[in-house]
Amino acid sequence: ELEKAKEHAERTQPEKKPSIRERLAAAKQECARQQPRPAPEKKPPELGEL
C-alpha cells in the first residue's frame, strides 16, 4: 500500500526535492526496517483521592 502510494507520487510529481509526504513514507520504511525494541515498562497512572 505504501509502495503504491509512493510510486503514484513519483509519477504525478515533477522531479524536485522530496515532498513532506515522501519523506514521511521514507521515515516509516526506515523505522520498519530497524529491529523492534520492546516498549519501556509503564507504571499505571497513580490516581489521587477522588
N, C-alpha and C. Protein backbone atom coordinates (compact mmCIF):
# COMPACT_ATOMS: atom_id res chain seq x y z
N GLU A 1 0.84 -1.19 0.00
CA GLU A 1 0.00 0.00 0.00
C GLU A 1 0.88 1.25 0.00
N LEU A 2 1.88 1.28 0.89
CA LEU A 2 2.77 2.42 0.95
C LEU A 2 3.58 2.53 -0.33
N GLU A 3 4.01 1.39 -0.86
CA GLU A 3 4.79 1.39 -2.11
C GLU A 3 3.96 1.95 -3.26
N LYS A 4 2.69 1.55 -3.33
CA LYS A 4 1.82 2.03 -4.40
C LYS A 4 1.67 3.54 -4.32
N ALA A 5 1.46 4.05 -3.11
CA ALA A 5 1.30 5.49 -2.93
C ALA A 5 2.57 6.23 -3.32
N LYS A 6 3.71 5.66 -2.97
CA LYS A 6 4.99 6.30 -3.29
C LYS A 6 5.20 6.32 -4.80
N GLU A 7 4.92 5.20 -5.46
CA GLU A 7 5.07 5.15 -6.92
C GLU A 7 4.14 6.14 -7.59
N HIS A 8 2.91 6.24 -7.10
CA HIS A 8 1.95 7.18 -7.67
C HIS A 8 2.45 8.60 -7.51
N ALA A 9 3.00 8.92 -6.34
CA ALA A 9 3.51 10.27 -6.08
C ALA A 9 4.67 10.58 -7.01
N GLU A 10 5.55 9.60 -7.22
CA GLU A 10 6.70 9.82 -8.10
C GLU A 10 6.26 10.06 -9.54
N ARG A 11 5.18 9.38 -9.96
CA ARG A 11 4.71 9.54 -11.34
C ARG A 11 4.01 10.88 -11.54
N THR A 12 3.30 11.36 -10.52
CA THR A 12 2.49 12.56 -10.69
C THR A 12 3.23 13.85 -10.40
N GLN A 13 4.39 13.78 -9.75
CA GLN A 13 5.12 14.99 -9.41
C GLN A 13 6.33 15.17 -10.30
N PRO A 14 6.62 16.42 -10.69
CA PRO A 14 7.86 16.67 -11.44
C PRO A 14 9.08 16.41 -10.57
N GLU A 15 10.24 16.27 -11.20
CA GLU A 15 11.46 15.98 -10.46
C GLU A 15 11.83 17.18 -9.60
N LYS A 16 11.90 17.00 -8.30
CA LYS A 16 12.28 18.06 -7.36
C LYS A 16 12.67 17.42 -6.05
N LYS A 17 12.92 18.24 -5.04
CA LYS A 17 13.29 17.66 -3.74
C LYS A 17 12.10 16.88 -3.17
N PRO A 18 12.37 15.88 -2.34
CA PRO A 18 11.28 15.03 -1.83
C PRO A 18 10.24 15.85 -1.07
N SER A 19 8.98 15.57 -1.33
CA SER A 19 7.91 16.26 -0.62
C SER A 19 7.84 15.75 0.81
N ILE A 20 7.06 16.43 1.61
CA ILE A 20 6.91 16.02 3.00
C ILE A 20 6.30 14.63 3.08
N ARG A 21 5.33 14.36 2.21
CA ARG A 21 4.70 13.03 2.21
C ARG A 21 5.73 11.95 1.87
N GLU A 22 6.59 12.22 0.89
CA GLU A 22 7.60 11.23 0.51
C GLU A 22 8.59 11.03 1.64
N ARG A 23 8.98 12.11 2.31
CA ARG A 23 9.92 12.00 3.42
C ARG A 23 9.29 11.21 4.56
N LEU A 24 7.99 11.43 4.80
CA LEU A 24 7.29 10.69 5.85
C LEU A 24 7.25 9.21 5.51
N ALA A 25 6.96 8.89 4.25
CA ALA A 25 6.92 7.49 3.83
C ALA A 25 8.29 6.85 3.99
N ALA A 26 9.34 7.58 3.62
CA ALA A 26 10.70 7.04 3.75
C ALA A 26 11.04 6.81 5.21
N ALA A 27 10.62 7.73 6.07
CA ALA A 27 10.90 7.58 7.50
C ALA A 27 10.16 6.37 8.07
N LYS A 28 8.93 6.15 7.63
CA LYS A 28 8.17 4.99 8.10
C LYS A 28 8.87 3.70 7.69
N GLN A 29 9.36 3.66 6.44
CA GLN A 29 10.06 2.47 5.97
C GLN A 29 11.33 2.25 6.78
N GLU A 30 12.05 3.33 7.08
CA GLU A 30 13.29 3.22 7.85
C GLU A 30 12.99 2.66 9.23
N CYS A 31 11.93 3.13 9.87
CA CYS A 31 11.56 2.63 11.20
C CYS A 31 11.17 1.15 11.12
N ALA A 32 10.48 0.78 10.06
CA ALA A 32 10.04 -0.62 9.92
C ALA A 32 11.24 -1.54 9.74
N ARG A 33 12.31 -1.04 9.14
CA ARG A 33 13.49 -1.87 8.91
C ARG A 33 14.30 -2.10 10.18
N GLN A 34 14.23 -1.13 11.10
CA GLN A 34 15.01 -1.26 12.33
C GLN A 34 14.45 -2.38 13.20
N GLN A 35 15.31 -2.94 14.05
CA GLN A 35 14.88 -4.01 14.95
C GLN A 35 13.87 -3.43 15.94
N PRO A 36 12.70 -4.03 16.05
CA PRO A 36 11.72 -3.52 17.02
C PRO A 36 12.21 -3.74 18.45
N ARG A 37 12.18 -2.68 19.22
CA ARG A 37 12.60 -2.77 20.62
C ARG A 37 11.36 -2.87 21.49
N PRO A 38 11.41 -3.63 22.56
CA PRO A 38 10.25 -3.68 23.46
C PRO A 38 10.00 -2.31 24.08
N ALA A 39 8.75 -1.96 24.22
CA ALA A 39 8.41 -0.67 24.81
C ALA A 39 8.85 -0.64 26.27
N PRO A 40 9.31 0.50 26.74
CA PRO A 40 9.69 0.58 28.16
C PRO A 40 8.48 0.32 29.05
N GLU A 41 8.73 -0.30 30.18
CA GLU A 41 7.63 -0.61 31.10
C GLU A 41 6.99 0.67 31.60
N LYS A 42 5.67 0.70 31.55
CA LYS A 42 4.94 1.88 32.03
C LYS A 42 4.28 1.53 33.36
N LYS A 43 4.34 2.49 34.27
CA LYS A 43 3.62 2.29 35.53
C LYS A 43 2.18 2.71 35.31
N PRO A 44 1.23 2.05 35.95
CA PRO A 44 -0.16 2.51 35.82
C PRO A 44 -0.29 3.90 36.43
N PRO A 45 -1.16 4.73 35.89
CA PRO A 45 -1.30 6.08 36.46
C PRO A 45 -1.73 6.03 37.92
N GLU A 46 -1.10 6.87 38.70
CA GLU A 46 -1.44 6.90 40.13
C GLU A 46 -2.52 7.94 40.34
N LEU A 47 -3.73 7.47 40.63
CA LEU A 47 -4.84 8.39 40.84
C LEU A 47 -4.91 8.77 42.30
N GLY A 48 -5.05 10.05 42.55
CA GLY A 48 -5.18 10.52 43.94
C GLY A 48 -6.57 10.24 44.46
N GLU A 49 -6.84 10.74 45.64
CA GLU A 49 -8.18 10.57 46.21
C GLU A 49 -9.18 11.32 45.34
N LEU A 50 -10.27 10.66 44.98
CA LEU A 50 -11.27 11.31 44.14
C LEU A 50 -12.43 11.80 44.97
